[in-house]
Amino acid sequence: MAVAKDLLGHRLVSVVGGRRCAVRLVETEAYVGPADPASHAYRWRRTRRNAVMYGPPGSLYVYFTYGMHWCANVVTEREGFPAAVLLRAGEPLEGLELMRRRRGGVRDAELASGPAKLAQALGITGRLDGHPLVAPPLWVEVGEPVGPRDRVASRRVGVRRGARRLLRFFVRGDPHVSRPRRG
């Protein structure tokens, strides 16, 4: 949960296809391990799809959802303990033209305002599953931390099991946060 809070304000940078794009992370969700019924690794369920969650912290866990969208997560716990943070939304900072092209001409506030939108805007696909987030083509750069007064905790989006837990974090009032906007 601490990593989900701490990632807010940092930059996620991609150089996919030789062009640099960057967002400021404004929304995350924690999936806290095998006791979390919303986690892909609930009850220590290990599959080919979620194997990266059991790997070293700082690895990128990418999965395909609804048969059409990629979503990106950061593995957060010690190797062997499956926990991750879903990267839910970002404020576009660099490479806006490329993000607009990848996202089909949506409004700038919607370029990366959801987990699948963020992945599409940055060119993240399953090819990056397991990639260490410290080097190209995708990495996290230190940004301005978001303090407790500017950070909101809420229920995760689209989660039925374990839905009451406040494991979604976002920057209060930021227009790039995905729905629902509360706080």
N, C-alpha and C. Protein backbone atom coordinates (compact mmCIF):
# COMPACT_ATOMS: atom_id res chain seq x y z
N MET A 1 0.82 -1.19 0.00
CA MET A 1 0.00 0.00 0.00
C MET A 1 0.87 1.25 0.00
N ALA A 2 2.00 1.20 0.70
CA ALA A 2 2.88 2.37 0.75
C ALA A 2 3.39 2.75 -0.63
N VAL A 3 3.73 1.77 -1.44
CA VAL A 3 4.25 2.06 -2.78
C VAL A 3 3.18 2.74 -3.63
N ALA A 4 1.93 2.30 -3.49
CA ALA A 4 0.84 2.91 -4.27
C ALA A 4 0.73 4.40 -3.94
N LYS A 5 0.88 4.76 -2.69
CA LYS A 5 0.85 6.18 -2.30
C LYS A 5 2.09 6.90 -2.80
N ASP A 6 3.24 6.27 -2.62
CA ASP A 6 4.51 6.91 -2.95
C ASP A 6 4.73 7.13 -4.44
N LEU A 7 4.11 6.32 -5.29
CA LEU A 7 4.29 6.49 -6.73
C LEU A 7 3.62 7.76 -7.26
N LEU A 8 2.63 8.26 -6.56
CA LEU A 8 1.95 9.48 -7.01
C LEU A 8 2.95 10.62 -7.12
N GLY A 9 2.92 11.32 -8.23
CA GLY A 9 3.83 12.44 -8.46
C GLY A 9 5.10 12.07 -9.21
N HIS A 10 5.44 10.79 -9.25
CA HIS A 10 6.62 10.37 -10.00
C HIS A 10 6.25 10.22 -11.48
N ARG A 11 7.27 10.22 -12.32
CA ARG A 11 7.06 10.13 -13.77
C ARG A 11 7.27 8.70 -14.26
N LEU A 12 6.41 8.30 -15.17
CA LEU A 12 6.58 7.04 -15.88
C LEU A 12 6.96 7.42 -17.30
N VAL A 13 8.12 6.95 -17.74
CA VAL A 13 8.69 7.35 -19.03
C VAL A 13 8.80 6.14 -19.94
N SER A 14 8.41 6.31 -21.20
CA SER A 14 8.59 5.24 -22.18
C SER A 14 9.34 5.78 -23.39
N VAL A 15 10.18 4.93 -23.94
CA VAL A 15 10.83 5.21 -25.21
C VAL A 15 10.57 4.00 -26.10
N VAL A 16 9.30 3.78 -26.36
CA VAL A 16 8.86 2.68 -27.21
C VAL A 16 8.82 3.21 -28.64
N GLY A 17 9.46 2.51 -29.54
CA GLY A 17 9.50 2.98 -30.93
C GLY A 17 10.44 4.16 -31.12
N GLY A 18 11.36 4.39 -30.18
CA GLY A 18 12.36 5.44 -30.32
C GLY A 18 11.91 6.83 -29.95
N ARG A 19 10.66 7.00 -29.53
CA ARG A 19 10.14 8.33 -29.16
C ARG A 19 9.79 8.35 -27.68
N ARG A 20 10.21 9.40 -27.01
CA ARG A 20 10.01 9.53 -25.56
C ARG A 20 8.63 10.11 -25.25
N CYS A 21 7.94 9.44 -24.34
CA CYS A 21 6.68 9.92 -23.78
C CYS A 21 6.79 9.82 -22.27
N ALA A 22 6.15 10.72 -21.55
CA ALA A 22 6.19 10.68 -20.10
C ALA A 22 4.88 11.19 -19.53
N VAL A 23 4.51 10.58 -18.40
CA VAL A 23 3.35 11.03 -17.65
C VAL A 23 3.75 11.20 -16.19
N ARG A 24 3.05 12.05 -15.50
CA ARG A 24 3.15 12.17 -14.03
C ARG A 24 2.05 11.29 -13.47
N LEU A 25 2.40 10.31 -12.65
CA LEU A 25 1.41 9.39 -12.10
C LEU A 25 0.50 10.12 -11.13
N VAL A 26 -0.82 10.03 -11.39
CA VAL A 26 -1.80 10.73 -10.56
C VAL A 26 -2.81 9.78 -9.93
N GLU A 27 -2.73 8.49 -10.25
CA GLU A 27 -3.67 7.53 -9.68
C GLU A 27 -3.08 6.12 -9.72
N THR A 28 -3.23 5.40 -8.60
CA THR A 28 -2.73 4.03 -8.48
C THR A 28 -3.73 3.20 -7.67
N GLU A 29 -3.56 1.88 -7.72
CA GLU A 29 -4.34 0.98 -6.87
C GLU A 29 -3.43 -0.12 -6.37
N ALA A 30 -3.53 -0.44 -5.09
CA ALA A 30 -2.73 -1.50 -4.49
C ALA A 30 -3.47 -2.83 -4.52
N TYR A 31 -2.75 -3.89 -4.85
CA TYR A 31 -3.22 -5.26 -4.76
C TYR A 31 -2.21 -5.97 -3.86
N VAL A 32 -2.64 -6.23 -2.62
CA VAL A 32 -1.70 -6.44 -1.52
C VAL A 32 -1.32 -7.89 -1.21
N GLY A 33 -1.56 -8.80 -2.13
CA GLY A 33 -1.05 -10.15 -1.95
C GLY A 33 -2.11 -11.22 -1.95
N PRO A 34 -1.71 -12.43 -1.55
CA PRO A 34 -2.59 -13.59 -1.67
C PRO A 34 -3.84 -13.55 -0.80
N ALA A 35 -3.89 -12.70 0.21
CA ALA A 35 -5.10 -12.57 1.03
C ALA A 35 -6.08 -11.55 0.44
N ASP A 36 -5.69 -10.86 -0.62
CA ASP A 36 -6.54 -9.84 -1.26
C ASP A 36 -7.39 -10.53 -2.32
N PRO A 37 -8.72 -10.63 -2.09
CA PRO A 37 -9.56 -11.37 -3.04
C PRO A 37 -9.64 -10.73 -4.43
N ALA A 38 -9.22 -9.48 -4.59
CA ALA A 38 -9.22 -8.83 -5.91
C ALA A 38 -7.90 -9.03 -6.65
N SER A 39 -6.92 -9.60 -5.99
CA SER A 39 -5.60 -9.80 -6.60
C SER A 39 -5.61 -10.96 -7.58
N HIS A 40 -4.82 -10.85 -8.64
CA HIS A 40 -4.64 -11.97 -9.57
C HIS A 40 -3.95 -13.15 -8.89
N ALA A 41 -3.33 -12.94 -7.75
CA ALA A 41 -2.63 -14.00 -7.03
C ALA A 41 -3.37 -14.40 -5.74
N TYR A 42 -4.66 -14.13 -5.68
CA TYR A 42 -5.46 -14.49 -4.51
C TYR A 42 -5.29 -15.98 -4.20
N ARG A 43 -5.09 -16.26 -2.92
CA ARG A 43 -4.90 -17.63 -2.42
C ARG A 43 -3.70 -18.32 -3.06
N TRP A 44 -2.67 -17.53 -3.35
CA TRP A 44 -1.40 -18.02 -3.91
C TRP A 44 -1.59 -18.67 -5.28
N ARG A 45 -2.65 -18.29 -5.99
CA ARG A 45 -2.90 -18.83 -7.32
C ARG A 45 -1.82 -18.30 -8.27
N ARG A 46 -0.98 -19.19 -8.73
CA ARG A 46 0.10 -18.80 -9.66
C ARG A 46 -0.20 -19.38 -11.03
N THR A 47 -0.17 -18.50 -12.03
CA THR A 47 -0.43 -18.90 -13.40
C THR A 47 0.66 -18.32 -14.30
N ARG A 48 0.63 -18.73 -15.55
CA ARG A 48 1.58 -18.15 -16.50
C ARG A 48 1.35 -16.64 -16.62
N ARG A 49 0.08 -16.22 -16.57
CA ARG A 49 -0.27 -14.80 -16.70
C ARG A 49 0.30 -13.97 -15.56
N ASN A 50 0.22 -14.45 -14.32
CA ASN A 50 0.62 -13.63 -13.17
C ASN A 50 2.00 -13.97 -12.61
N ALA A 51 2.76 -14.79 -13.29
CA ALA A 51 4.06 -15.25 -12.77
C ALA A 51 4.99 -14.09 -12.39
N VAL A 52 4.94 -12.99 -13.12
CA VAL A 52 5.81 -11.85 -12.83
C VAL A 52 5.52 -11.27 -11.45
N MET A 53 4.28 -11.39 -10.97
CA MET A 53 3.94 -10.87 -9.64
C MET A 53 4.78 -11.54 -8.54
N TYR A 54 5.25 -12.75 -8.79
CA TYR A 54 6.06 -13.49 -7.83
C TYR A 54 7.54 -13.16 -7.96
N GLY A 55 7.88 -12.31 -8.90
CA GLY A 55 9.27 -11.98 -9.18
C GLY A 55 9.78 -10.83 -8.34
N PRO A 56 10.91 -10.27 -8.74
CA PRO A 56 11.54 -9.20 -7.95
C PRO A 56 10.75 -7.91 -7.97
N PRO A 57 10.80 -7.15 -6.86
CA PRO A 57 10.13 -5.86 -6.82
C PRO A 57 10.74 -4.92 -7.86
N GLY A 58 9.88 -4.04 -8.39
CA GLY A 58 10.33 -3.11 -9.41
C GLY A 58 10.14 -3.64 -10.82
N SER A 59 9.65 -4.87 -10.93
CA SER A 59 9.36 -5.43 -12.25
C SER A 59 8.00 -4.95 -12.72
N LEU A 60 7.82 -4.92 -14.02
CA LEU A 60 6.55 -4.54 -14.61
C LEU A 60 5.72 -5.79 -14.84
N TYR A 61 4.51 -5.80 -14.31
CA TYR A 61 3.56 -6.88 -14.55
C TYR A 61 2.49 -6.33 -15.49
N VAL A 62 2.47 -6.86 -16.71
CA VAL A 62 1.54 -6.41 -17.74
C VAL A 62 0.58 -7.55 -18.05
N TYR A 63 -0.71 -7.24 -18.07
CA TYR A 63 -1.69 -8.25 -18.43
C TYR A 63 -2.71 -7.69 -19.41
N PHE A 64 -3.35 -8.59 -20.12
CA PHE A 64 -4.35 -8.27 -21.12
C PHE A 64 -5.72 -8.48 -20.49
N THR A 65 -6.63 -7.52 -20.64
CA THR A 65 -7.93 -7.63 -20.01
C THR A 65 -9.04 -7.36 -21.02
N TYR A 66 -10.18 -7.97 -20.79
CA TYR A 66 -11.36 -7.82 -21.64
C TYR A 66 -11.06 -8.15 -23.10
N GLY A 67 -10.00 -8.91 -23.34
CA GLY A 67 -9.66 -9.30 -24.70
C GLY A 67 -9.23 -8.17 -25.61
N MET A 68 -8.91 -6.98 -25.00
CA MET A 68 -8.57 -5.85 -25.86
C MET A 68 -7.64 -4.82 -25.25
N HIS A 69 -7.38 -4.84 -23.95
CA HIS A 69 -6.60 -3.78 -23.32
C HIS A 69 -5.43 -4.33 -22.51
N TRP A 70 -4.31 -3.62 -22.56
CA TRP A 70 -3.17 -3.92 -21.70
C TRP A 70 -3.25 -3.03 -20.45
N CYS A 71 -2.83 -3.58 -19.32
CA CYS A 71 -2.74 -2.83 -18.07
C CYS A 71 -1.37 -3.09 -17.46
N ALA A 72 -0.81 -2.07 -16.81
CA ALA A 72 0.55 -2.16 -16.27
C ALA A 72 0.55 -2.00 -14.76
N ASN A 73 1.35 -2.83 -14.10
CA ASN A 73 1.49 -2.84 -12.65
C ASN A 73 2.96 -2.88 -12.28
N VAL A 74 3.27 -2.37 -11.10
CA VAL A 74 4.61 -2.47 -10.55
C VAL A 74 4.58 -3.53 -9.45
N VAL A 75 5.45 -4.54 -9.56
CA VAL A 75 5.58 -5.54 -8.50
C VAL A 75 6.23 -4.86 -7.30
N THR A 76 5.67 -5.08 -6.09
CA THR A 76 6.08 -4.26 -4.95
C THR A 76 6.70 -4.99 -3.77
N GLU A 77 6.54 -6.27 -3.67
CA GLU A 77 7.02 -6.98 -2.47
C GLU A 77 8.22 -7.86 -2.79
N ARG A 78 8.75 -8.48 -1.76
CA ARG A 78 9.92 -9.35 -1.93
C ARG A 78 9.59 -10.47 -2.92
N GLU A 79 10.61 -10.98 -3.56
CA GLU A 79 10.45 -12.06 -4.50
C GLU A 79 9.74 -13.23 -3.82
N GLY A 80 8.75 -13.79 -4.50
CA GLY A 80 7.98 -14.90 -3.95
C GLY A 80 6.66 -14.49 -3.31
N PHE A 81 6.50 -13.20 -2.99
CA PHE A 81 5.25 -12.71 -2.39
C PHE A 81 4.55 -11.82 -3.42
N PRO A 82 3.44 -12.29 -3.98
CA PRO A 82 2.80 -11.60 -5.11
C PRO A 82 1.95 -10.39 -4.70
N ALA A 83 2.48 -9.22 -4.87
CA ALA A 83 1.74 -7.97 -4.63
C ALA A 83 2.17 -6.98 -5.70
N ALA A 84 1.25 -6.10 -6.08
CA ALA A 84 1.55 -5.15 -7.16
C ALA A 84 0.69 -3.91 -7.02
N VAL A 85 1.09 -2.88 -7.74
CA VAL A 85 0.34 -1.62 -7.82
C VAL A 85 -0.04 -1.39 -9.26
N LEU A 86 -1.34 -1.28 -9.49
CA LEU A 86 -1.85 -0.95 -10.82
C LEU A 86 -1.63 0.54 -11.07
N LEU A 87 -1.05 0.86 -12.22
CA LEU A 87 -0.84 2.25 -12.63
C LEU A 87 -2.11 2.69 -13.34
N ARG A 88 -2.94 3.46 -12.64
CA ARG A 88 -4.29 3.77 -13.13
C ARG A 88 -4.37 4.98 -14.03
N ALA A 89 -3.60 6.04 -13.75
CA ALA A 89 -3.75 7.25 -14.58
C ALA A 89 -2.52 8.13 -14.46
N GLY A 90 -2.31 8.93 -15.51
CA GLY A 90 -1.18 9.85 -15.53
C GLY A 90 -1.51 11.14 -16.25
N GLU A 91 -0.81 12.18 -15.87
CA GLU A 91 -0.90 13.48 -16.54
C GLU A 91 0.15 13.52 -17.63
N PRO A 92 -0.24 13.63 -18.90
CA PRO A 92 0.75 13.67 -19.99
C PRO A 92 1.70 14.86 -19.85
N LEU A 93 3.00 14.58 -19.97
CA LEU A 93 4.03 15.62 -19.85
C LEU A 93 4.85 15.77 -21.12
N GLU A 94 5.23 14.66 -21.73
CA GLU A 94 6.08 14.68 -22.92
C GLU A 94 5.53 13.71 -23.95
N GLY A 95 5.71 14.04 -25.22
CA GLY A 95 5.28 13.16 -26.30
C GLY A 95 3.79 13.18 -26.54
N LEU A 96 3.17 14.32 -26.31
CA LEU A 96 1.71 14.42 -26.46
C LEU A 96 1.23 14.06 -27.86
N GLU A 97 1.95 14.46 -28.88
CA GLU A 97 1.51 14.15 -30.26
C GLU A 97 1.46 12.64 -30.48
N LEU A 98 2.47 11.94 -30.00
CA LEU A 98 2.48 10.49 -30.15
C LEU A 98 1.37 9.85 -29.32
N MET A 99 1.16 10.35 -28.10
CA MET A 99 0.07 9.82 -27.27
C MET A 99 -1.27 10.07 -27.94
N ARG A 100 -1.46 11.24 -28.53
CA ARG A 100 -2.71 11.55 -29.24
C ARG A 100 -2.93 10.57 -30.40
N ARG A 101 -1.86 10.28 -31.12
CA ARG A 101 -1.95 9.35 -32.24
C ARG A 101 -2.29 7.94 -31.74
N ARG A 102 -1.62 7.51 -30.67
CA ARG A 102 -1.88 6.17 -30.13
C ARG A 102 -3.30 6.05 -29.58
N ARG A 103 -3.84 7.16 -29.07
CA ARG A 103 -5.16 7.14 -28.43
C ARG A 103 -6.28 7.61 -29.34
N GLY A 104 -5.98 7.95 -30.58
CA GLY A 104 -7.03 8.26 -31.54
C GLY A 104 -7.68 9.61 -31.39
N GLY A 105 -6.93 10.60 -30.97
CA GLY A 105 -7.44 11.97 -30.97
C GLY A 105 -8.39 12.33 -29.85
N VAL A 106 -8.32 11.66 -28.71
CA VAL A 106 -9.17 12.04 -27.57
C VAL A 106 -8.65 13.33 -26.94
N ARG A 107 -9.47 13.94 -26.09
CA ARG A 107 -9.03 15.14 -25.37
C ARG A 107 -7.77 14.83 -24.55
N ASP A 108 -6.89 15.81 -24.39
CA ASP A 108 -5.63 15.59 -23.67
C ASP A 108 -5.85 15.08 -22.25
N ALA A 109 -6.90 15.54 -21.57
CA ALA A 109 -7.17 15.09 -20.21
C ALA A 109 -7.53 13.61 -20.16
N GLU A 110 -7.89 13.02 -21.31
CA GLU A 110 -8.28 11.62 -21.37
C GLU A 110 -7.20 10.72 -21.98
N LEU A 111 -6.05 11.27 -22.31
CA LEU A 111 -5.00 10.47 -22.95
C LEU A 111 -4.56 9.30 -22.09
N ALA A 112 -4.44 9.52 -20.79
CA ALA A 112 -3.94 8.48 -19.87
C ALA A 112 -4.78 8.42 -18.60
N SER A 113 -6.10 8.66 -18.73
CA SER A 113 -6.98 8.75 -17.57
C SER A 113 -7.67 7.44 -17.22
N GLY A 114 -6.93 6.38 -17.25
CA GLY A 114 -7.41 5.04 -16.90
C GLY A 114 -6.29 4.06 -17.18
N PRO A 115 -6.32 2.88 -16.57
CA PRO A 115 -5.18 1.95 -16.73
C PRO A 115 -4.93 1.51 -18.16
N ALA A 116 -5.97 1.20 -18.92
CA ALA A 116 -5.76 0.80 -20.31
C ALA A 116 -5.36 1.99 -21.18
N LYS A 117 -5.91 3.15 -20.89
CA LYS A 117 -5.56 4.37 -21.62
C LYS A 117 -4.10 4.73 -21.39
N LEU A 118 -3.66 4.60 -20.14
CA LEU A 118 -2.26 4.89 -19.79
C LEU A 118 -1.32 3.96 -20.56
N ALA A 119 -1.63 2.67 -20.56
CA ALA A 119 -0.79 1.70 -21.27
C ALA A 119 -0.76 2.01 -22.76
N GLN A 120 -1.91 2.31 -23.34
CA GLN A 120 -1.97 2.61 -24.77
C GLN A 120 -1.19 3.88 -25.10
N ALA A 121 -1.37 4.92 -24.30
CA ALA A 121 -0.68 6.19 -24.54
C ALA A 121 0.83 6.04 -24.51
N LEU A 122 1.33 5.17 -23.63
CA LEU A 122 2.77 4.98 -23.50
C LEU A 122 3.32 3.83 -24.34
N GLY A 123 2.47 3.14 -25.08
CA GLY A 123 2.93 2.04 -25.92
C GLY A 123 3.27 0.78 -25.15
N ILE A 124 2.67 0.59 -23.99
CA ILE A 124 2.94 -0.58 -23.15
C ILE A 124 2.12 -1.76 -23.64
N THR A 125 2.79 -2.87 -23.91
CA THR A 125 2.14 -4.12 -24.30
C THR A 125 2.74 -5.27 -23.51
N GLY A 126 2.24 -6.45 -23.77
CA GLY A 126 2.73 -7.65 -23.10
C GLY A 126 4.20 -7.93 -23.33
N ARG A 127 4.79 -7.35 -24.34
CA ARG A 127 6.24 -7.54 -24.58
C ARG A 127 7.07 -7.01 -23.42
N LEU A 128 6.49 -6.08 -22.63
CA LEU A 128 7.22 -5.50 -21.50
C LEU A 128 6.97 -6.23 -20.18
N ASP A 129 6.17 -7.28 -20.20
CA ASP A 129 5.91 -8.04 -18.98
C ASP A 129 7.23 -8.56 -18.41
N GLY A 130 7.50 -8.24 -17.16
CA GLY A 130 8.74 -8.65 -16.49
C GLY A 130 9.87 -7.66 -16.60
N HIS A 131 9.70 -6.60 -17.36
CA HIS A 131 10.75 -5.60 -17.55
C HIS A 131 11.06 -4.88 -16.23
N PRO A 132 12.34 -4.72 -15.88
CA PRO A 132 12.69 -3.94 -14.68
C PRO A 132 12.50 -2.45 -14.95
N LEU A 133 11.79 -1.77 -14.07
CA LEU A 133 11.40 -0.37 -14.31
C LEU A 133 12.49 0.62 -13.94
N VAL A 134 13.73 0.29 -14.27
CA VAL A 134 14.85 1.19 -13.99
C VAL A 134 15.63 1.55 -15.25
N ALA A 135 15.17 1.05 -16.41
CA ALA A 135 15.92 1.27 -17.65
C ALA A 135 14.96 1.25 -18.84
N PRO A 136 15.40 1.84 -19.96
CA PRO A 136 14.57 1.82 -21.17
C PRO A 136 14.22 0.38 -21.56
N PRO A 137 13.07 0.23 -22.19
CA PRO A 137 12.25 1.26 -22.79
C PRO A 137 11.19 1.86 -21.87
N LEU A 138 11.12 1.44 -20.60
CA LEU A 138 10.11 1.98 -19.69
C LEU A 138 10.70 2.04 -18.29
N TRP A 139 10.59 3.21 -17.66
CA TRP A 139 11.15 3.35 -16.32
C TRP A 139 10.41 4.43 -15.55
N VAL A 140 10.67 4.43 -14.23
CA VAL A 140 10.10 5.44 -13.34
C VAL A 140 11.19 6.44 -12.99
N GLU A 141 10.89 7.73 -13.13
CA GLU A 141 11.81 8.81 -12.72
C GLU A 141 11.23 9.50 -11.49
N VAL A 142 12.11 9.93 -10.63
CA VAL A 142 11.68 10.63 -9.42
C VAL A 142 11.00 11.93 -9.80
N GLY A 143 9.87 12.16 -9.20
CA GLY A 143 9.12 13.39 -9.41
C GLY A 143 8.84 14.05 -8.07
N GLU A 144 7.92 15.00 -8.08
CA GLU A 144 7.55 15.71 -6.85
C GLU A 144 6.55 14.85 -6.08
N PRO A 145 6.90 14.42 -4.86
CA PRO A 145 5.97 13.59 -4.08
C PRO A 145 4.66 14.33 -3.80
N VAL A 146 3.59 13.56 -3.69
CA VAL A 146 2.28 14.11 -3.36
C VAL A 146 2.04 13.89 -1.87
N GLY A 147 1.88 14.97 -1.15
CA GLY A 147 1.70 14.89 0.29
C GLY A 147 0.32 14.40 0.70
N PRO A 148 0.16 14.03 1.97
CA PRO A 148 -1.11 13.49 2.46
C PRO A 148 -2.31 14.42 2.24
N ARG A 149 -2.12 15.71 2.29
CA ARG A 149 -3.25 16.64 2.10
C ARG A 149 -3.76 16.64 0.66
N ASP A 150 -2.88 16.32 -0.28
CA ASP A 150 -3.26 16.32 -1.70
C ASP A 150 -3.56 14.92 -2.23
N ARG A 151 -3.53 13.93 -1.36
CA ARG A 151 -3.73 12.54 -1.77
C ARG A 151 -5.05 12.04 -1.18
N VAL A 152 -5.83 11.37 -2.00
CA VAL A 152 -7.11 10.82 -1.58
C VAL A 152 -7.02 9.30 -1.64
N ALA A 153 -7.60 8.63 -0.65
CA ALA A 153 -7.73 7.17 -0.65
C ALA A 153 -9.20 6.83 -0.85
N SER A 154 -9.47 5.86 -1.72
CA SER A 154 -10.86 5.46 -1.96
C SER A 154 -10.90 3.97 -2.27
N ARG A 155 -12.10 3.49 -2.53
CA ARG A 155 -12.26 2.10 -2.95
C ARG A 155 -11.73 1.93 -4.36
N ARG A 156 -11.25 0.73 -4.65
CA ARG A 156 -10.75 0.43 -5.99
C ARG A 156 -11.90 0.43 -7.00
N VAL A 157 -11.57 0.73 -8.23
CA VAL A 157 -12.57 0.82 -9.30
C VAL A 157 -12.80 -0.56 -9.91
N GLY A 158 -14.07 -0.93 -10.08
CA GLY A 158 -14.39 -2.17 -10.78
C GLY A 158 -14.10 -3.43 -9.99
N VAL A 159 -13.89 -3.32 -8.69
CA VAL A 159 -13.56 -4.46 -7.85
C VAL A 159 -14.81 -4.86 -7.06
N ARG A 160 -15.15 -6.14 -7.09
CA ARG A 160 -16.30 -6.63 -6.31
C ARG A 160 -15.84 -7.27 -5.01
N ARG A 161 -14.88 -8.17 -5.12
CA ARG A 161 -14.37 -8.84 -3.91
C ARG A 161 -13.30 -7.96 -3.28
N GLY A 162 -13.41 -7.75 -1.99
CA GLY A 162 -12.46 -6.88 -1.30
C GLY A 162 -12.69 -5.42 -1.62
N ALA A 163 -13.92 -5.09 -2.03
CA ALA A 163 -14.22 -3.74 -2.53
C ALA A 163 -14.23 -2.67 -1.46
N ARG A 164 -14.40 -3.01 -0.21
CA ARG A 164 -14.54 -2.00 0.84
C ARG A 164 -13.20 -1.38 1.25
N ARG A 165 -12.12 -2.01 0.90
CA ARG A 165 -10.80 -1.52 1.30
C ARG A 165 -10.42 -0.27 0.52
N LEU A 166 -9.81 0.68 1.19
CA LEU A 166 -9.38 1.94 0.56
C LEU A 166 -7.96 1.76 0.03
N LEU A 167 -7.85 1.20 -1.17
CA LEU A 167 -6.55 0.87 -1.76
C LEU A 167 -6.32 1.58 -3.09
N ARG A 168 -7.18 2.51 -3.43
CA ARG A 168 -6.98 3.36 -4.61
C ARG A 168 -6.53 4.72 -4.10
N PHE A 169 -5.50 5.26 -4.74
CA PHE A 169 -4.96 6.55 -4.32
C PHE A 169 -4.87 7.46 -5.53
N PHE A 170 -5.24 8.72 -5.33
CA PHE A 170 -5.16 9.66 -6.44
C PHE A 170 -4.93 11.07 -5.92
N VAL A 171 -4.50 11.93 -6.83
CA VAL A 171 -4.21 13.33 -6.51
C VAL A 171 -5.54 14.09 -6.51
N ARG A 172 -5.82 14.69 -5.37
CA ARG A 172 -7.07 15.43 -5.18
C ARG A 172 -7.24 16.49 -6.27
N GLY A 173 -8.40 16.46 -6.95
CA GLY A 173 -8.74 17.48 -7.93
C GLY A 173 -8.02 17.40 -9.26
N ASP A 174 -7.19 16.41 -9.48
CA ASP A 174 -6.44 16.34 -10.74
C ASP A 174 -7.38 15.93 -11.89
N PRO A 175 -7.38 16.68 -12.98
CA PRO A 175 -8.30 16.39 -14.09
C PRO A 175 -7.95 15.13 -14.88
N HIS A 176 -6.79 14.53 -14.62
CA HIS A 176 -6.37 13.35 -15.37
C HIS A 176 -6.72 12.04 -14.68
N VAL A 177 -7.31 12.12 -13.49
CA VAL A 177 -7.70 10.94 -12.73
C VAL A 177 -8.88 10.28 -13.44
N SER A 178 -8.91 8.96 -13.41
CA SER A 178 -10.01 8.23 -14.04
C SER A 178 -11.28 8.35 -13.22
N ARG A 179 -12.36 7.83 -13.71
CA ARG A 179 -13.61 7.87 -12.97
C ARG A 179 -13.58 6.84 -11.86
N PRO A 180 -14.35 6.88 -10.82
CA PRO A 180 -15.12 8.04 -10.41
C PRO A 180 -14.22 9.06 -9.75
N ARG A 181 -14.50 10.31 -9.94
CA ARG A 181 -13.70 11.39 -9.33
C ARG A 181 -14.35 11.80 -8.02
N ARG A 182 -13.63 11.50 -6.95
CA ARG A 182 -14.14 11.86 -5.63
C ARG A 182 -13.04 12.56 -4.86
N GLY A 183 -13.44 13.35 -3.89
CA GLY A 183 -12.47 13.98 -3.03
C GLY A 183 -12.25 15.38 -3.38
